[in-house]
Protein backbone atom coordinates (compact mmCIF):
# COMPACT_ATOMS: atom_id res chain seq x y z
CA GLU A 1 -8.69 16.43 -3.04
CA LYS A 2 -7.76 15.16 0.41
CA PHE A 3 -9.62 12.46 2.31
CA THR A 4 -9.88 11.56 5.96
CA TYR A 5 -11.40 8.82 8.10
CA PRO A 6 -13.79 7.20 8.34
CA LEU A 7 -13.63 5.92 4.79
CA TYR A 8 -13.24 2.80 2.74
CA ILE A 9 -11.01 3.07 -0.31
CA GLU A 10 -10.79 0.30 -2.86
CA ALA A 11 -8.88 -0.04 -6.15
CA LYS A 12 -9.10 -2.67 -8.87
CA VAL A 13 -5.51 -3.12 -10.02
CA LYS A 14 -3.39 -5.44 -12.13
CA THR A 15 0.19 -4.92 -10.96
CA SER A 16 3.09 -4.56 -13.39
CA ASN A 17 5.66 -7.23 -14.18
CA GLN A 18 8.48 -5.11 -12.76
CA VAL A 19 10.75 -4.97 -9.73
CA LEU A 20 9.37 -1.46 -9.36
CA ALA A 21 6.64 -1.03 -6.78
CA SER A 22 3.08 -0.89 -8.15
CA ASN A 23 1.27 1.39 -5.71
CA VAL A 24 -2.02 2.95 -4.76
CA TRP A 25 -1.54 4.81 -1.50
CA MET A 26 -2.44 7.82 0.58
CA LEU A 27 -0.09 10.47 1.97
CA SER A 28 -0.63 13.47 4.24
CA GLU A 29 0.29 16.89 2.88
CA ASP A 30 3.32 17.12 5.19
CA SER A 31 4.44 13.56 4.27
CA THR A 32 4.33 12.32 7.87
CA GLU A 33 1.44 9.83 7.60
CA GLU A 34 0.88 7.19 4.91
CA ILE A 35 -1.54 4.37 4.24
CA ASP A 36 -0.68 1.83 1.53
CA ILE A 37 -3.72 0.35 -0.23
CA VAL A 38 -1.66 -1.82 -2.56
CA GLU A 39 2.13 -2.08 -2.71
CA ALA A 40 3.36 -4.88 -4.93
CA TYR A 41 6.62 -6.02 -6.52
CA SER A 42 5.41 -8.45 -9.16
CA SER A 43 8.44 -9.11 -11.36
CA ASP A 44 8.84 -12.48 -13.09
CA ARG A 45 12.57 -12.52 -12.31
CA PRO A 46 13.30 -15.92 -10.74
CA ASP A 47 14.97 -14.34 -7.67
CA GLN A 48 11.84 -12.20 -7.08
CA LYS A 49 9.27 -15.03 -6.87
CA TRP A 50 8.62 -14.44 -3.15
CA TYR A 51 7.63 -10.82 -3.85
CA ALA A 52 5.48 -11.81 -6.85
CA GLU A 53 3.45 -14.02 -4.47
CA HIS A 54 3.04 -11.41 -1.69
CA ILE A 55 1.28 -8.07 -1.29
CA HIS A 56 2.62 -5.55 1.22
CA LEU A 57 -0.13 -4.33 3.59
CA SER A 58 1.16 -1.47 5.66
CA HIS A 59 1.16 2.12 6.80
CA HIS A 60 3.92 4.52 7.85
CA VAL A 61 4.31 7.33 10.32
CA PHE A 62 7.32 9.60 9.92
CA ILE A 63 9.39 12.26 11.52
CA ARG A 64 11.05 14.05 8.60
CA GLU A 65 14.00 15.80 10.33
CA PRO A 66 15.98 13.75 11.08
CA LEU A 67 14.20 11.04 9.09
CA GLN A 68 12.55 8.38 11.22
CA ASP A 69 10.11 5.95 9.62
CA TYR A 70 7.93 3.48 11.47
CA GLN A 71 5.93 0.78 9.76
CA PRO A 72 4.85 -2.59 11.12
CA LEU A 73 7.23 -5.36 10.13
CA ASP A 74 5.29 -8.31 11.54
CA GLU A 75 4.56 -11.39 9.43
CA GLY A 76 1.06 -10.11 8.66
CA SER A 77 2.41 -7.10 6.76
CA TRP A 78 2.96 -9.41 3.75
CA TYR A 79 -0.09 -11.28 2.46
CA LYS A 80 0.05 -14.43 0.35
CA LYS A 81 -2.90 -16.22 -1.24
CA ASP A 82 -1.94 -19.76 -2.23
CA GLY A 83 -1.20 -20.06 -5.93
CA THR A 84 -1.70 -16.37 -6.69
CA ILE A 85 0.83 -14.39 -8.70
CA TRP A 86 -0.54 -10.88 -8.33
CA ARG A 87 0.56 -9.59 -11.76
CA ASP A 88 -1.47 -12.27 -13.57
CA SER A 89 -4.91 -10.71 -13.10
CA PHE A 90 -6.88 -7.83 -11.63
CA HIS A 91 -7.58 -7.86 -7.90
CA ARG A 92 -9.55 -5.55 -5.59
CA TYR A 93 -7.43 -4.01 -2.83
CA GLY A 94 -9.15 -2.04 -0.10
CA VAL A 95 -8.53 -0.32 3.22
CA TYR A 96 -11.13 0.70 5.75
CA TRP A 97 -9.65 3.64 7.66
CA LYS A 98 -12.06 3.52 10.57
CA ASN A 99 -10.29 5.99 12.85
CA PRO A 100 -6.72 7.12 13.68
CA TRP A 101 -5.99 3.79 15.37
CA HIS A 102 -7.76 1.20 13.23
CA LEU A 103 -7.15 0.00 9.65
CA GLU A 104 -8.67 -3.04 7.96
CA TYR A 105 -7.13 -4.40 4.75
CA TYR A 106 -9.22 -6.29 2.20
CA ILE A 107 -8.21 -8.23 -0.90
CA ASP A 108 -10.92 -9.35 -3.31
CA GLY A 109 -13.52 -8.52 -0.67
CA LYS A 110 -11.90 -10.65 2.05
CA LEU A 111 -10.62 -9.13 5.30
CA VAL A 112 -6.93 -10.12 5.44
CA ARG A 113 -5.40 -7.81 8.08
CA THR A 114 -6.50 -5.58 10.93
CA THR A 115 -4.22 -3.19 12.77
CA THR A 116 -4.36 -2.58 16.48
CA LYS A 117 -3.78 0.72 18.25
CA GLU A 118 -0.36 -0.58 19.34
CA MET A 119 0.61 -1.16 15.69
CA ILE A 120 -0.23 2.32 14.39
CA ASP A 121 2.38 4.48 16.18
CA PRO A 122 4.30 2.72 18.97
CA ASN A 123 7.10 5.32 18.83
CA ASN A 124 4.68 8.25 19.24
CA TYR A 125 5.82 9.99 16.03
CA THR A 126 2.31 11.49 15.72
CA ASN A 127 2.28 12.82 19.32
CA GLY A 128 -0.67 10.64 20.23
CA THR A 129 -2.89 11.47 17.25
CA GLY A 130 -2.37 8.31 15.14
CA LEU A 131 -3.29 8.39 11.46
CA SER A 132 -5.40 11.52 11.73
CA LYS A 133 -4.35 13.89 8.93
CA PRO A 134 -6.22 14.30 5.64
CA MET A 135 -4.42 12.46 2.84
CA HIS A 136 -4.10 12.61 -0.93
CA ILE A 137 -4.51 9.47 -3.06
CA ILE A 138 -1.43 8.62 -5.14
CA ILE A 139 -1.16 6.11 -8.00
CA ASN A 140 2.39 5.37 -9.11
CA MET A 141 5.20 2.98 -9.85
CA GLU A 142 8.53 3.62 -8.21
CA ASP A 143 12.05 2.34 -7.74
CA GLN A 144 12.31 2.24 -3.96
CA ASP A 145 15.61 2.88 -2.19
CA TRP A 146 15.38 -0.14 0.13
CA ARG A 147 15.29 -2.38 -2.97
CA SER A 148 17.61 -0.48 -5.32
CA ASP A 149 20.20 -0.30 -2.51
CA LYS A 150 20.21 -4.12 -2.69
CA GLY A 151 20.66 -4.04 -6.50
CA ILE A 152 16.97 -4.80 -7.15
CA THR A 153 16.24 -2.22 -9.82
CA PRO A 154 14.88 -2.55 -13.36
CA THR A 155 17.26 -3.02 -16.26
CA ASP A 156 17.09 -0.83 -19.37
CA GLU A 157 15.70 -3.84 -21.25
CA GLU A 158 12.93 -4.36 -18.67
CA LEU A 159 12.00 -0.68 -18.80
CA ALA A 160 11.88 -0.78 -22.62
CA ASP A 161 9.45 -3.73 -22.56
CA GLN A 162 6.05 -2.02 -22.56
CA GLU A 163 4.29 -5.28 -21.68
CA LYS A 164 6.17 -5.33 -18.35
CA CYS A 165 5.88 -1.62 -17.54
CA ILE A 166 2.15 -1.16 -17.22
CA MET A 167 0.25 -1.16 -13.95
CA TRP A 168 -3.42 -1.28 -14.86
CA VAL A 169 -5.87 0.59 -12.63
CA ASP A 170 -9.46 -0.14 -13.63
CA TRP A 171 -11.01 2.06 -10.94
CA ILE A 172 -10.62 3.59 -7.50
CA ARG A 173 -13.61 4.11 -5.24
CA VAL A 174 -13.85 6.05 -2.00
CA TYR A 175 -16.79 5.45 0.31
CA LYS A 176 -17.72 7.61 3.30
CA PRO A 177 -20.16 6.19 5.85
CA VAL A 178 -23.32 8.19 6.41
CA GLU A 179 -25.56 8.39 9.44
CA LYS A 180 -28.65 6.25 9.12
CA GLN A 181 -31.75 8.40 8.83
CA PRO A 182 -34.68 7.58 11.15
């Protein structure tokens, strides 16, 4: 099933202990619009501590041929909550997709990031429509090129350790606002 705005989507997730990305996200059928609900790299490797303490809060707009990918890279696209290592417990990650130009990110019920119209598509990859296409919900773990190209990829031993390879998803909920009846 595909979903579109306005909606609030929330997932209760315990991220894996891997350099792989633990993800719950949405993607348009033509793979040109994406909203990340949770994207985490929660490995206990000592050189990955910064990532274990941060959650990536972002969206993408793409042109596929030739590939062009825009996502905000401002400081707010990585969220840190003092003392929290995200893999250690379940957390609620949510996004309110209000309209094509407005996203609100929530962690454990707290608003932690809001996008502005200027942040959604400054390069006009969507031809002025913003995040407007219906999207599928995807739950996965993946070895992402931007990390594996830097040599940050799981070892055979890490992949064989079942305790490290599980991303727990307790639930995912999608809420659609309804008009108030008189």
